[in-house]
């Protein structure tokens, strides 16, 4: 059940304009974040970006970090550290 729910959250369903509106941003900013490697939305066979719930969460987190005064390089570093922390916690949970 958890895996099915996780797959639903990671499935790209929102177009760029809808995703931008949902997180209170602009489509151009989402493209910039993608160019900078901060997120990687799914693509249709025709190349159209599709954003998932997970992507929206990540965009919200990026916005929070920017509001806290970080630049995009700082945001990238924090996101990487948060991902590493989550991986380590998952590994500890699997071992314990």
N, C-alpha and C. Protein backbone atom coordinates (compact mmCIF):
# COMPACT_ATOMS: atom_id res chain seq x y z
N UNK A 1 0.83 -1.19 0.00
CA UNK A 1 0.00 0.00 0.00
C UNK A 1 0.87 1.26 0.00
N UNK A 2 1.92 1.28 0.86
CA UNK A 2 2.82 2.44 0.92
C UNK A 2 3.51 2.67 -0.40
N UNK A 3 3.93 1.60 -1.05
CA UNK A 3 4.61 1.72 -2.35
C UNK A 3 3.67 2.32 -3.40
N UNK A 4 2.42 1.88 -3.42
CA UNK A 4 1.45 2.41 -4.37
C UNK A 4 1.22 3.90 -4.12
N UNK A 5 1.13 4.28 -2.85
CA UNK A 5 0.95 5.68 -2.53
C UNK A 5 2.17 6.49 -2.94
N UNK A 6 3.35 5.95 -2.73
CA UNK A 6 4.60 6.62 -3.11
C UNK A 6 4.64 6.82 -4.62
N UNK A 7 4.25 5.80 -5.37
CA UNK A 7 4.24 5.91 -6.82
C UNK A 7 3.27 6.98 -7.29
N UNK A 8 2.13 7.12 -6.62
CA UNK A 8 1.18 8.17 -6.98
C UNK A 8 1.79 9.55 -6.78
N UNK A 9 2.53 9.74 -5.71
CA UNK A 9 3.16 11.04 -5.42
C UNK A 9 4.29 11.36 -6.38
N UNK A 10 4.90 10.36 -6.95
CA UNK A 10 6.03 10.60 -7.84
C UNK A 10 5.63 10.64 -9.32
N UNK A 11 4.37 10.37 -9.60
CA UNK A 11 3.89 10.37 -10.99
C UNK A 11 3.65 11.79 -11.47
N UNK A 12 4.28 12.17 -12.56
CA UNK A 12 4.13 13.51 -13.11
C UNK A 12 2.77 13.70 -13.76
N UNK A 13 2.00 14.64 -13.25
CA UNK A 13 0.66 14.86 -13.79
C UNK A 13 0.37 16.31 -14.13
N UNK A 14 1.11 17.25 -13.53
CA UNK A 14 0.81 18.67 -13.71
C UNK A 14 1.72 19.30 -14.76
N UNK A 15 1.15 20.08 -15.64
CA UNK A 15 1.93 20.86 -16.58
C UNK A 15 2.66 21.98 -15.86
N UNK A 16 3.61 22.60 -16.55
CA UNK A 16 4.45 23.60 -15.90
C UNK A 16 3.66 24.81 -15.41
N UNK A 17 2.68 25.27 -16.17
CA UNK A 17 1.93 26.46 -15.73
C UNK A 17 1.08 26.14 -14.51
N UNK A 18 0.51 24.96 -14.46
CA UNK A 18 -0.30 24.56 -13.30
C UNK A 18 0.60 24.38 -12.08
N UNK A 19 1.74 23.72 -12.27
CA UNK A 19 2.68 23.51 -11.16
C UNK A 19 3.16 24.85 -10.62
N UNK A 20 3.51 25.76 -11.51
CA UNK A 20 3.99 27.08 -11.08
C UNK A 20 2.92 27.80 -10.27
N UNK A 21 1.69 27.75 -10.74
CA UNK A 21 0.59 28.39 -10.01
C UNK A 21 0.38 27.75 -8.65
N UNK A 22 0.49 26.44 -8.59
CA UNK A 22 0.25 25.73 -7.34
C UNK A 22 1.27 26.08 -6.26
N UNK A 23 2.51 26.40 -6.67
CA UNK A 23 3.54 26.74 -5.69
C UNK A 23 3.78 28.24 -5.60
N UNK A 24 2.98 29.03 -6.32
CA UNK A 24 3.10 30.47 -6.25
C UNK A 24 4.34 31.01 -6.93
N UNK A 25 4.69 30.43 -8.05
CA UNK A 25 5.89 30.83 -8.77
C UNK A 25 5.55 31.11 -10.23
N UNK A 26 6.58 31.21 -11.05
CA UNK A 26 6.39 31.41 -12.48
C UNK A 26 7.04 30.26 -13.23
N UNK A 27 6.50 29.96 -14.39
CA UNK A 27 7.02 28.85 -15.19
C UNK A 27 8.50 29.04 -15.50
N UNK A 28 8.92 30.25 -15.78
CA UNK A 28 10.32 30.50 -16.11
C UNK A 28 11.24 30.14 -14.94
N UNK A 29 10.78 30.40 -13.74
CA UNK A 29 11.57 30.06 -12.54
C UNK A 29 11.71 28.54 -12.41
N UNK A 30 10.65 27.79 -12.72
CA UNK A 30 10.72 26.34 -12.67
C UNK A 30 11.73 25.82 -13.69
N UNK A 31 11.75 26.45 -14.87
CA UNK A 31 12.73 26.06 -15.89
C UNK A 31 14.16 26.33 -15.40
N UNK A 32 14.35 27.46 -14.71
CA UNK A 32 15.66 27.79 -14.16
C UNK A 32 16.09 26.75 -13.14
N UNK A 33 15.19 26.36 -12.25
CA UNK A 33 15.52 25.35 -11.25
C UNK A 33 15.92 24.04 -11.92
N UNK A 34 15.25 23.70 -12.99
CA UNK A 34 15.60 22.48 -13.71
C UNK A 34 16.99 22.61 -14.34
N UNK A 35 17.26 23.74 -14.97
CA UNK A 35 18.59 23.96 -15.56
C UNK A 35 19.69 23.89 -14.52
N UNK A 36 19.40 24.34 -13.32
CA UNK A 36 20.39 24.33 -12.24
C UNK A 36 20.47 22.98 -11.53
N UNK A 37 19.64 22.02 -11.97
CA UNK A 37 19.69 20.68 -11.39
C UNK A 37 18.98 20.52 -10.06
N UNK A 38 18.10 21.46 -9.73
CA UNK A 38 17.40 21.39 -8.45
C UNK A 38 16.21 20.44 -8.48
N UNK A 39 15.70 20.16 -9.65
CA UNK A 39 14.65 19.17 -9.80
C UNK A 39 14.63 18.68 -11.25
N UNK A 40 14.02 17.54 -11.42
CA UNK A 40 13.97 16.92 -12.74
C UNK A 40 12.57 16.35 -12.97
N UNK A 41 11.67 17.16 -13.51
CA UNK A 41 10.31 16.66 -13.73
C UNK A 41 10.28 15.58 -14.80
N UNK A 42 9.25 14.77 -14.74
CA UNK A 42 9.06 13.74 -15.77
C UNK A 42 8.78 14.44 -17.10
N UNK A 43 8.94 13.72 -18.16
CA UNK A 43 8.66 14.25 -19.50
C UNK A 43 7.74 13.28 -20.23
N UNK A 44 6.84 13.86 -21.03
CA UNK A 44 6.02 13.02 -21.91
C UNK A 44 6.89 12.59 -23.08
N UNK A 45 6.37 11.71 -23.91
CA UNK A 45 7.13 11.27 -25.08
C UNK A 45 7.42 12.44 -26.01
N UNK A 46 6.60 13.48 -25.95
CA UNK A 46 6.81 14.68 -26.76
C UNK A 46 7.71 15.71 -26.10
N UNK A 47 8.17 15.44 -24.87
CA UNK A 47 9.09 16.33 -24.18
C UNK A 47 8.45 17.34 -23.24
N UNK A 48 7.13 17.28 -23.07
CA UNK A 48 6.45 18.21 -22.17
C UNK A 48 6.74 17.84 -20.72
N UNK A 49 7.08 18.84 -19.92
CA UNK A 49 7.34 18.60 -18.50
C UNK A 49 6.04 18.22 -17.79
N UNK A 50 6.16 17.27 -16.86
CA UNK A 50 5.05 16.87 -16.00
C UNK A 50 5.55 16.81 -14.57
N UNK A 51 4.96 17.63 -13.72
CA UNK A 51 5.37 17.72 -12.33
C UNK A 51 4.50 16.85 -11.44
N UNK A 52 5.13 16.22 -10.46
CA UNK A 52 4.44 15.33 -9.53
C UNK A 52 4.21 16.05 -8.20
N UNK A 53 3.49 15.40 -7.31
CA UNK A 53 3.32 15.92 -5.95
C UNK A 53 4.68 16.05 -5.27
N UNK A 54 5.56 15.07 -5.48
CA UNK A 54 6.91 15.16 -4.92
C UNK A 54 7.65 16.38 -5.45
N UNK A 55 7.49 16.65 -6.76
CA UNK A 55 8.12 17.84 -7.34
C UNK A 55 7.56 19.11 -6.71
N UNK A 56 6.26 19.15 -6.48
CA UNK A 56 5.65 20.32 -5.85
C UNK A 56 6.18 20.53 -4.44
N UNK A 57 6.36 19.43 -3.70
CA UNK A 57 6.94 19.52 -2.36
C UNK A 57 8.36 20.09 -2.43
N UNK A 58 9.12 19.61 -3.41
CA UNK A 58 10.49 20.08 -3.58
C UNK A 58 10.51 21.56 -3.97
N UNK A 59 9.62 21.96 -4.85
CA UNK A 59 9.53 23.37 -5.23
C UNK A 59 9.17 24.25 -4.04
N UNK A 60 8.29 23.77 -3.19
CA UNK A 60 7.93 24.50 -1.98
C UNK A 60 9.15 24.65 -1.07
N UNK A 61 9.91 23.56 -0.94
CA UNK A 61 11.13 23.60 -0.10
C UNK A 61 12.14 24.57 -0.69
N UNK A 62 12.31 24.57 -2.00
CA UNK A 62 13.22 25.51 -2.66
C UNK A 62 12.79 26.94 -2.33
N UNK A 63 11.50 27.22 -2.43
CA UNK A 63 10.99 28.54 -2.12
C UNK A 63 11.27 28.95 -0.68
N UNK A 64 11.13 28.00 0.25
CA UNK A 64 11.41 28.29 1.66
C UNK A 64 12.88 28.65 1.86
N UNK A 65 13.75 27.87 1.24
CA UNK A 65 15.18 28.11 1.39
C UNK A 65 15.60 29.45 0.78
N UNK A 66 15.02 29.78 -0.37
CA UNK A 66 15.30 31.07 -0.98
C UNK A 66 14.80 32.21 -0.10
N UNK A 67 13.63 32.05 0.50
CA UNK A 67 13.07 33.06 1.38
C UNK A 67 13.94 33.23 2.63
N UNK A 68 14.63 32.17 3.02
CA UNK A 68 15.53 32.24 4.18
C UNK A 68 16.86 32.91 3.83
N UNK A 69 17.05 33.25 2.56
CA UNK A 69 18.24 34.00 2.17
C UNK A 69 19.31 33.20 1.44
N UNK A 70 19.07 31.92 1.17
CA UNK A 70 20.06 31.14 0.44
C UNK A 70 20.01 31.48 -1.04
N UNK A 71 21.15 31.35 -1.71
CA UNK A 71 21.16 31.46 -3.16
C UNK A 71 20.95 30.06 -3.74
N UNK A 72 20.90 29.95 -5.06
CA UNK A 72 20.60 28.64 -5.67
C UNK A 72 21.67 27.60 -5.37
N UNK A 73 22.92 28.01 -5.27
CA UNK A 73 23.99 27.06 -4.92
C UNK A 73 23.78 26.56 -3.48
N UNK A 74 23.40 27.44 -2.59
CA UNK A 74 23.12 27.04 -1.22
C UNK A 74 21.92 26.12 -1.14
N UNK A 75 20.90 26.42 -1.91
CA UNK A 75 19.71 25.57 -1.97
C UNK A 75 20.10 24.17 -2.43
N UNK A 76 20.91 24.09 -3.47
CA UNK A 76 21.34 22.79 -3.98
C UNK A 76 22.10 22.01 -2.91
N UNK A 77 22.96 22.68 -2.17
CA UNK A 77 23.73 22.01 -1.11
C UNK A 77 22.81 21.50 -0.01
N UNK A 78 21.86 22.31 0.42
CA UNK A 78 20.93 21.90 1.48
C UNK A 78 20.08 20.72 1.02
N UNK A 79 19.57 20.78 -0.20
CA UNK A 79 18.74 19.68 -0.70
C UNK A 79 19.54 18.38 -0.76
N UNK A 80 20.78 18.45 -1.19
CA UNK A 80 21.62 17.25 -1.25
C UNK A 80 21.86 16.69 0.15
N UNK A 81 22.14 17.56 1.11
CA UNK A 81 22.34 17.10 2.48
C UNK A 81 21.07 16.49 3.06
N UNK A 82 19.92 17.08 2.76
CA UNK A 82 18.66 16.52 3.23
C UNK A 82 18.39 15.14 2.62
N UNK A 83 18.71 14.99 1.34
CA UNK A 83 18.52 13.69 0.69
C UNK A 83 19.46 12.65 1.29
N UNK A 84 20.71 13.02 1.53
CA UNK A 84 21.66 12.09 2.13
C UNK A 84 21.21 11.69 3.53
N UNK A 85 20.73 12.64 4.29
CA UNK A 85 20.21 12.36 5.62
C UNK A 85 19.06 11.36 5.55
N UNK A 86 18.14 11.55 4.61
CA UNK A 86 17.00 10.64 4.45
C UNK A 86 17.47 9.24 4.07
N UNK A 87 18.47 9.17 3.17
CA UNK A 87 19.01 7.85 2.80
C UNK A 87 19.63 7.14 3.99
N UNK A 88 20.39 7.87 4.80
CA UNK A 88 21.02 7.28 5.98
C UNK A 88 19.99 6.83 7.00
N UNK A 89 18.95 7.63 7.20
CA UNK A 89 17.88 7.24 8.13
C UNK A 89 17.16 5.99 7.65
N UNK A 90 16.91 5.91 6.34
CA UNK A 90 16.25 4.72 5.79
C UNK A 90 17.12 3.49 5.99
N UNK A 91 18.43 3.65 5.80
CA UNK A 91 19.34 2.53 5.99
C UNK A 91 19.36 2.08 7.44
N UNK A 92 19.36 3.03 8.36
CA UNK A 92 19.32 2.68 9.78
C UNK A 92 18.01 1.98 10.13
N UNK A 93 16.91 2.44 9.58
CA UNK A 93 15.62 1.80 9.83
C UNK A 93 15.61 0.37 9.30
N UNK A 94 16.24 0.16 8.13
CA UNK A 94 16.29 -1.19 7.55
C UNK A 94 17.15 -2.12 8.39
N UNK A 95 18.20 -1.59 8.99
CA UNK A 95 19.11 -2.41 9.81
C UNK A 95 18.58 -2.65 11.20
N UNK A 96 17.72 -1.75 11.67
CA UNK A 96 17.25 -1.85 13.07
C UNK A 96 15.96 -2.50 13.13
